[in-house]
Protein backbone atom coordinates (compact mmCIF):
# COMPACT_ATOMS: atom_id res chain seq x y z
CA MET A 1 22.50 -1.11 -15.74
CA LYS A 2 26.02 -1.07 -14.33
CA GLN A 3 27.44 0.79 -17.29
CA THR A 4 24.55 3.23 -17.81
CA PRO A 5 25.13 6.82 -16.65
CA ILE A 6 23.17 7.80 -13.55
CA TRP A 7 21.17 10.54 -15.32
CA LYS A 8 19.97 8.10 -17.97
CA LEU A 9 18.96 5.63 -15.27
CA LEU A 10 17.08 8.35 -13.39
CA LEU A 11 15.23 9.42 -16.51
CA LYS A 12 14.36 5.80 -17.28
CA LEU A 13 13.42 4.59 -13.81
CA SER A 14 11.83 7.66 -12.17
CA PRO A 15 8.78 8.43 -14.36
CA PRO A 16 7.03 5.08 -13.81
CA VAL A 17 7.44 5.38 -10.03
CA MET A 18 6.25 9.00 -10.04
CA LEU A 19 3.22 8.09 -12.15
CA ALA A 20 2.36 5.18 -9.88
CA LEU A 21 2.51 7.45 -6.81
CA LEU A 22 0.31 10.01 -8.55
CA ILE A 23 -2.21 7.31 -9.42
CA GLN A 24 -2.18 6.11 -5.79
CA SER A 25 -2.98 9.65 -4.62
CA VAL A 26 -5.84 9.93 -7.11
CA TYR A 27 -7.09 6.56 -5.88
CA ASN A 28 -7.31 7.87 -2.30
CA ILE A 29 -8.96 11.12 -3.40
CA VAL A 30 -11.60 9.27 -5.42
CA ASP A 31 -12.34 6.95 -2.49
CA SER A 32 -12.73 9.93 -0.16
CA TYR A 33 -15.00 11.70 -2.64
CA PHE A 34 -17.43 8.79 -2.91
CA VAL A 35 -17.41 8.09 0.82
CA ALA A 36 -18.13 11.80 1.47
CA LYS A 37 -21.11 11.66 -0.92
CA TYR A 38 -22.49 8.78 1.11
CA SER A 39 -21.94 10.17 4.61
CA ALA A 40 -19.93 12.78 6.50
CA GLU A 41 -19.48 10.33 9.36
CA GLY A 42 -18.08 7.78 6.91
CA LEU A 43 -15.53 10.29 5.67
CA THR A 44 -14.56 11.12 9.26
CA ALA A 45 -14.19 7.41 10.04
CA LEU A 46 -12.03 7.00 6.95
CA SER A 47 -9.95 9.99 8.06
CA ILE A 48 -9.24 8.64 11.54
CA ILE A 49 -8.08 5.30 10.14
CA PHE A 50 -5.96 6.90 7.40
CA PRO A 51 -2.89 7.51 9.67
CA VAL A 52 -2.89 3.82 10.63
CA GLN A 53 -3.15 2.84 6.98
CA LEU A 54 -0.36 5.27 6.13
CA LEU A 55 1.85 3.73 8.83
CA MET A 56 1.20 0.26 7.42
CA THR A 57 2.02 1.48 3.92
CA ALA A 58 5.25 3.08 5.20
CA VAL A 59 6.35 -0.16 6.87
CA ALA A 60 5.48 -2.19 3.77
CA THR A 61 7.28 0.23 1.47
CA GLY A 62 10.28 0.46 3.80
CA THR A 63 10.59 -3.31 3.95
CA GLY A 64 10.26 -3.53 0.18
CA THR A 65 12.88 -0.82 -0.27
CA GLY A 66 15.31 -2.72 1.96
CA ILE A 67 14.74 -5.83 -0.14
CA ASN A 68 15.21 -3.71 -3.27
CA ILE A 69 18.59 -2.41 -2.08
CA LEU A 70 19.85 -5.85 -1.09
CA VAL A 71 18.66 -7.50 -4.32
CA SER A 72 20.31 -4.73 -6.35
CA ARG A 73 23.56 -5.17 -4.46
CA MET A 74 23.48 -8.92 -5.00
CA ASP A 75 22.71 -8.33 -8.68
CA GLY A 76 25.77 -6.10 -8.93
CA ALA A 77 27.88 -8.73 -7.19
CA ASP A 78 26.48 -11.53 -9.41
CA ALA A 79 25.26 -13.41 -6.33
CA ALA A 80 21.97 -14.89 -7.56
CA GLY A 81 21.85 -17.47 -4.76
CA SER A 82 21.94 -14.76 -2.12
CA GLN A 83 19.19 -12.89 -3.96
CA ASN A 84 16.85 -15.85 -3.58
CA ASP A 85 17.53 -15.96 0.16
CA ILE A 86 16.86 -12.23 0.46
CA ILE A 87 13.62 -12.52 -1.53
CA LYS A 88 12.39 -15.43 0.61
CA SER A 89 13.29 -13.57 3.80
CA GLY A 90 11.56 -10.45 2.47
CA PHE A 91 8.33 -12.33 1.80
CA PHE A 92 8.50 -13.88 5.26
CA LEU A 93 9.07 -10.42 6.76
CA GLY A 94 6.03 -9.13 4.84
CA ILE A 95 3.90 -11.87 6.38
CA VAL A 96 5.32 -11.07 9.83
CA ASN A 97 4.56 -7.36 9.34
CA PHE A 98 0.97 -8.23 8.46
CA ALA A 99 0.63 -10.54 11.47
CA VAL A 100 2.06 -7.95 13.86
CA PHE A 101 -0.23 -5.17 12.61
CA ALA A 102 -3.27 -7.45 12.75
CA ALA A 103 -2.39 -8.91 16.15
CA ILE A 104 -1.78 -5.51 17.74
CA GLY A 105 -4.18 -3.40 15.70
CA LEU A 106 -7.38 -5.40 16.02
CA PRO A 107 -7.43 -5.57 19.84
CA VAL A 108 -6.68 -1.85 20.31
CA LEU A 109 -8.79 -0.58 17.41
CA HIS A 110 -11.79 0.27 19.59
CA VAL A 111 -9.59 2.29 21.97
CA TYR A 112 -8.05 4.18 19.05
CA CYS A 113 -11.46 4.97 17.53
CA ARG A 114 -12.89 6.10 20.88
CA PHE A 115 -9.83 8.30 21.42
CA SER A 116 -10.10 9.78 17.91
CA SER A 117 -13.81 10.67 17.95
CA ASP A 118 -16.63 11.06 20.42
CA GLN A 119 -19.32 10.36 17.79
CA PRO A 120 -20.68 6.78 18.01
CA MET A 121 -21.31 6.52 14.24
CA VAL A 122 -17.76 7.63 13.47
CA GLN A 123 -16.35 5.20 16.03
CA ALA A 124 -18.38 2.32 14.58
CA GLY A 125 -17.40 3.21 11.01
CA GLY A 126 -13.75 3.56 12.02
CA MET A 127 -13.82 0.16 13.70
CA ARG A 128 -15.40 -1.50 10.63
CA TYR A 129 -12.99 0.15 8.21
CA GLY A 130 -10.00 -0.45 10.50
CA ALA A 131 -10.86 -4.13 10.86
CA ILE A 132 -11.00 -4.47 7.07
CA ILE A 133 -7.64 -2.73 6.75
CA PHE A 134 -5.99 -4.96 9.35
CA LEU A 135 -7.52 -8.23 8.17
CA PHE A 136 -6.89 -7.76 4.45
CA SER A 137 -3.54 -5.95 4.45
CA LEU A 138 -1.50 -9.06 3.66
CA GLY A 139 -1.86 -8.23 -0.03
CA MET A 140 -0.39 -4.77 0.54
CA PHE A 141 2.68 -6.16 2.32
CA VAL A 142 3.28 -8.83 -0.33
CA GLU A 143 2.62 -6.38 -3.20
CA ALA A 144 5.14 -3.89 -1.82
CA ASN A 145 7.81 -6.58 -1.74
CA CYS A 146 6.96 -7.85 -5.24
CA THR A 147 7.03 -4.33 -6.65
CA LYS A 148 10.40 -3.55 -5.14
CA ILE A 149 11.90 -6.87 -6.28
CA LEU A 150 10.79 -6.16 -9.85
CA GLN A 151 12.13 -2.62 -9.61
CA ALA A 152 15.46 -3.89 -8.28
CA ARG A 153 15.76 -5.99 -11.41
CA GLY A 154 15.08 -2.92 -13.58
CA ASN A 155 11.42 -3.64 -14.39
CA MET A 156 9.67 -0.38 -13.58
CA VAL A 157 6.82 -0.73 -16.06
CA LEU A 158 5.03 -3.86 -14.76
CA PRO A 159 4.58 -2.53 -11.19
CA MET A 160 3.38 0.81 -12.58
CA CYS A 161 0.88 -0.92 -14.90
CA ALA A 162 -0.43 -3.09 -12.05
CA GLN A 163 -0.95 -0.06 -9.83
CA ILE A 164 -2.63 1.93 -12.61
CA LEU A 165 -4.93 -1.02 -13.36
CA GLY A 166 -5.89 -1.34 -9.69
CA ALA A 167 -6.56 2.38 -9.37
CA MET A 168 -8.60 2.50 -12.57
CA LEU A 169 -10.66 -0.47 -11.41
CA ASN A 170 -11.29 1.31 -8.12
CA ILE A 171 -12.27 4.54 -9.87
CA VAL A 172 -14.70 2.66 -12.12
CA LEU A 173 -16.19 0.58 -9.29
CA ASP A 174 -16.56 3.40 -6.73
CA PRO A 175 -19.60 4.97 -8.45
CA LEU A 176 -21.19 1.53 -8.78
CA ARG A 177 -20.71 0.82 -5.09
CA SER A 178 -22.16 4.19 -4.11
CA GLU A 179 -25.20 3.57 -6.36
CA GLU A 180 -25.75 0.18 -4.67
CA ARG A 181 -25.85 1.88 -1.28
CA ARG A 182 -28.48 4.35 -2.38
CA VAL A 183 -30.88 1.66 -3.59
């Protein structure tokens, strides 16, 4: 990659990332669609938790991007030993990010939901959804780091395929979950 012209690298590395981001957006739209079919209060609850989820995603992606930059620099300097230290530190930082969000988010979630809506059903739905987001976000923090490490090494396709597979699974399972709720 050192000798490849920048434009060729951009044309090679950008499309998979752009496609993965598009798929992620479709994933969120499909989720919102099926939640809205089930209940307006559910969609509102989802909407009030979305900024928190977006903040968590931004921190995870930012941490992963920092790891990406450092791993790429070490790759350019042929310092494989330093790369391993950066990767280990990045995974530890992902776990710390998760722990901080869960430790701060869970206790103040009820205050945030009460502040965001005066409807008891929306508050209750926001608290349930928020608790799920906080408790099970470790995977998001670890995935962001793994994706960026692979991308730093020039592998853009595997992270894109994993994200597409996850989104497609979600799109296929959403109608099944909404049918279960109706029965």
